[in-house]
């Protein structure tokens, strides 16, 4: 999402580990983004960090920056993990550990600003499907919340899926994706 919005996405894992993160690789491929659109943890040399020392940083899907030298630049935190109580002075800070995916929180913000384009919606939905375990009913309340269900429905709508008046979990699990992700045509299949 950072790349689409003109920013730089920084992954908290090394470049060589992208192959182990099938959800990330497939989402990047589906959105037509190359892996070189991401700065990986092993790319953050002291020289790279020095060139970014004045950059405003937005943390997404984590709420503590691993590189303390940049910590003073954190202006936004949007996350769904346990709150580590870091960057409490960020101007924009939302940590909701009841949500199953930070993508749900990001999607809500994007819809408030206007509907995201289909590629951005696809990237967010891919992460949401994996984080929320395909909305498996056994995971309700553990890996997803009503907030995630609403975000997934809205993202499917933005991708061009047939809009369904039934906004339930059951309807979400059966909705057909407007384009396949590695052969998957539903959210449960996408999460596998």
Protein backbone atom coordinates (compact mmCIF):
# COMPACT_ATOMS: atom_id res chain seq x y z
CA UNK A 1 0.00 0.00 0.00
CA UNK A 2 2.88 2.37 0.74
CA UNK A 3 4.24 1.88 -2.77
CA UNK A 4 0.86 2.57 -4.38
CA UNK A 5 0.52 5.71 -2.26
CA UNK A 6 3.99 6.97 -3.25
CA UNK A 7 5.76 5.88 -0.07
CA UNK A 8 8.20 3.13 0.75
CA UNK A 9 7.14 -0.17 2.27
CA UNK A 10 9.59 -1.64 4.76
CA UNK A 11 9.21 -5.34 5.53
CA UNK A 12 10.25 -6.60 8.95
CA UNK A 13 11.82 -9.67 7.38
CA UNK A 14 14.84 -10.25 5.13
CA UNK A 15 14.57 -10.33 1.33
CA UNK A 16 15.47 -14.01 1.21
CA UNK A 17 12.46 -14.81 3.39
CA UNK A 18 9.93 -13.45 0.87
CA UNK A 19 9.65 -16.94 -0.66
CA UNK A 20 8.52 -18.19 2.76
CA UNK A 21 5.81 -15.53 2.90
CA UNK A 22 3.59 -16.92 0.15
CA UNK A 23 0.78 -14.51 1.04
CA UNK A 24 3.05 -11.51 0.44
CA UNK A 25 4.55 -12.88 -2.77
CA UNK A 26 1.14 -13.76 -4.25
CA UNK A 27 -0.37 -10.43 -3.27
CA UNK A 28 2.50 -8.51 -4.84
CA UNK A 29 2.18 -10.58 -8.00
CA UNK A 30 -1.58 -10.13 -8.19
CA UNK A 31 -1.22 -6.36 -7.83
CA UNK A 32 1.55 -6.22 -10.41
CA UNK A 33 4.09 -4.95 -7.87
CA UNK A 34 7.67 -6.20 -7.89
CA UNK A 35 9.50 -7.26 -4.75
CA UNK A 36 11.95 -4.42 -5.39
CA UNK A 37 9.10 -2.08 -4.36
CA UNK A 38 9.86 -3.15 -0.79
CA UNK A 39 12.82 -2.29 1.43
CA UNK A 40 13.59 -5.42 3.44
CA UNK A 41 15.08 -5.55 6.93
CA UNK A 42 18.45 -6.68 5.57
CA UNK A 43 18.45 -3.65 3.22
CA UNK A 44 18.45 -1.25 6.16
CA UNK A 45 22.15 -0.57 6.41
CA UNK A 46 23.39 2.35 8.52
CA UNK A 47 23.74 4.36 5.28
CA UNK A 48 20.12 3.72 4.28
CA UNK A 49 18.91 4.56 7.78
CA UNK A 50 20.92 7.81 7.71
CA UNK A 51 19.24 8.89 4.46
CA UNK A 52 15.82 8.32 6.02
CA UNK A 53 16.58 9.96 9.37
CA UNK A 54 14.15 12.85 8.78
CA UNK A 55 11.39 10.79 7.16
CA UNK A 56 7.96 10.62 8.77
CA UNK A 57 7.16 6.97 9.44
CA UNK A 58 3.83 5.18 9.62
CA UNK A 59 3.89 1.76 11.28
CA UNK A 60 1.37 -0.76 10.00
CA UNK A 61 0.93 -4.29 11.36
CA UNK A 62 3.32 -3.60 14.23
CA UNK A 63 3.40 -0.94 16.90
CA UNK A 64 7.06 -0.80 17.87
CA UNK A 65 9.84 0.17 15.48
CA UNK A 66 12.78 -2.25 15.49
CA UNK A 67 15.25 0.47 14.47
CA UNK A 68 15.48 2.88 17.44
CA UNK A 69 17.41 5.51 15.45
CA UNK A 70 14.22 6.12 13.45
CA UNK A 71 11.81 5.88 16.38
CA UNK A 72 11.48 9.63 16.83
CA UNK A 73 10.07 9.86 13.29
CA UNK A 74 7.01 7.66 13.94
CA UNK A 75 3.93 9.79 13.30
CA UNK A 76 1.35 7.02 12.81
CA UNK A 77 0.68 3.54 14.20
CA UNK A 78 -2.09 1.29 12.83
CA UNK A 79 -1.95 -2.22 14.25
CA UNK A 80 -3.87 -5.24 15.49
CA UNK A 81 -1.28 -6.84 17.78
CA UNK A 82 -0.88 -6.55 21.54
CA UNK A 83 -0.04 -2.92 22.28
CA UNK A 84 3.64 -2.61 23.20
CA UNK A 85 3.01 0.98 24.37
CA UNK A 86 5.72 2.43 22.13
CA UNK A 87 5.40 5.65 20.13
CA UNK A 88 2.64 6.92 22.39
CA UNK A 89 3.26 10.44 21.09
CA UNK A 90 2.44 9.51 17.47
CA UNK A 91 -0.12 11.96 16.09
CA UNK A 92 -2.22 9.11 14.70
CA UNK A 93 -2.27 5.95 16.81
CA UNK A 94 -4.77 3.11 16.62
CA UNK A 95 -4.02 -0.30 18.11
CA UNK A 96 -6.98 -2.71 18.17
CA UNK A 97 -5.93 -6.18 19.26
CA UNK A 98 -9.51 -7.46 18.76
CA UNK A 99 -9.12 -6.99 15.00
CA UNK A 100 -7.76 -9.95 13.09
CA UNK A 101 -5.77 -7.91 10.59
CA UNK A 102 -4.17 -4.49 10.36
CA UNK A 103 -5.46 -4.54 6.78
CA UNK A 104 -8.99 -4.08 8.13
CA UNK A 105 -7.93 -0.91 9.94
CA UNK A 106 -6.07 0.39 6.88
CA UNK A 107 -9.05 -0.41 4.64
CA UNK A 108 -11.39 1.57 6.89
CA UNK A 109 -9.09 4.58 6.64
CA UNK A 110 -8.82 4.26 2.88
CA UNK A 111 -12.61 4.09 2.50
CA UNK A 112 -12.97 7.20 4.67
CA UNK A 113 -10.70 9.01 2.18
CA UNK A 114 -12.46 7.53 -0.88
CA UNK A 115 -12.69 4.07 -2.37
CA UNK A 116 -9.31 2.38 -2.92
CA UNK A 117 -8.52 1.16 -6.42
CA UNK A 118 -8.89 -2.55 -7.19
CA UNK A 119 -5.15 -3.31 -6.89
CA UNK A 120 -4.89 -1.75 -3.43
CA UNK A 121 -8.09 -3.54 -2.39
CA UNK A 122 -6.61 -6.84 -3.63
CA UNK A 123 -3.41 -6.35 -1.60
CA UNK A 124 -5.36 -5.55 1.55
CA UNK A 125 -7.77 -8.44 1.01
CA UNK A 126 -4.94 -10.95 0.51
CA UNK A 127 -3.39 -10.04 3.86
CA UNK A 128 -6.79 -9.95 5.54
CA UNK A 129 -7.72 -13.43 4.26
CA UNK A 130 -4.50 -14.95 5.56
CA UNK A 131 -4.52 -13.10 8.91
CA UNK A 132 -8.18 -14.04 9.51
CA UNK A 133 -7.67 -17.69 8.46
CA UNK A 134 -10.18 -17.40 5.64
CA UNK A 135 -12.87 -16.45 8.15
CA UNK A 136 -13.12 -20.04 9.40
CA UNK A 137 -16.05 -20.08 11.88
CA UNK A 138 -13.84 -21.88 14.42
CA UNK A 139 -11.58 -18.79 14.47
CA UNK A 140 -14.34 -16.23 15.21
CA UNK A 141 -13.32 -14.04 18.13
CA UNK A 142 -9.77 -15.41 18.03
CA UNK A 143 -8.54 -14.51 14.54
CA UNK A 144 -11.23 -12.15 13.29
CA UNK A 145 -13.93 -9.78 14.44
CA UNK A 146 -17.02 -8.14 12.90
CA UNK A 147 -14.73 -5.26 11.94
CA UNK A 148 -12.70 -7.63 9.73
CA UNK A 149 -15.84 -9.09 8.14
CA UNK A 150 -17.10 -5.60 7.22
CA UNK A 151 -13.70 -4.61 5.79
CA UNK A 152 -13.48 -7.78 3.69
CA UNK A 153 -16.95 -7.20 2.22
CA UNK A 154 -16.05 -3.59 1.38
CA UNK A 155 -12.75 -4.63 -0.25
CA UNK A 156 -14.50 -7.26 -2.36
CA UNK A 157 -16.95 -4.59 -3.47
CA UNK A 158 -14.06 -2.27 -4.40
CA UNK A 159 -12.44 -5.06 -6.42
CA UNK A 160 -15.58 -5.35 -8.53
CA UNK A 161 -17.12 -8.44 -6.95
CA UNK A 162 -20.90 -8.70 -7.21
CA UNK A 163 -22.19 -6.68 -4.28
CA UNK A 164 -24.17 -8.84 -1.90
CA UNK A 165 -26.76 -7.31 0.45
CA UNK A 166 -26.00 -10.11 2.95
CA UNK A 167 -22.95 -8.84 4.86
CA UNK A 168 -22.68 -11.88 7.13
CA UNK A 169 -19.67 -14.11 7.71
CA UNK A 170 -21.36 -16.95 5.81
CA UNK A 171 -21.98 -14.72 2.80
CA UNK A 172 -18.38 -13.51 2.96
CA UNK A 173 -16.97 -17.05 2.89
CA UNK A 174 -19.04 -17.89 -0.20
CA UNK A 175 -18.43 -14.69 -2.20
CA UNK A 176 -16.45 -15.26 -5.37
CA UNK A 177 -13.29 -13.24 -5.84
CA UNK A 178 -13.42 -11.07 -8.99
CA UNK A 179 -10.01 -12.49 -9.95
CA UNK A 180 -8.28 -15.65 -8.81
CA UNK A 181 -5.27 -15.60 -6.49
CA UNK A 182 -3.05 -18.57 -7.29
CA UNK A 183 -6.19 -20.49 -8.30
CA UNK A 184 -8.20 -19.47 -5.23
CA UNK A 185 -11.64 -18.03 -5.95
CA UNK A 186 -12.94 -17.57 -2.39
CA UNK A 187 -11.46 -16.16 0.82
CA UNK A 188 -11.22 -19.57 2.56
CA UNK A 189 -9.28 -20.92 -0.43
CA UNK A 190 -7.10 -17.81 -0.56
CA UNK A 191 -6.06 -18.33 3.05
CA UNK A 192 -4.68 -21.82 2.45
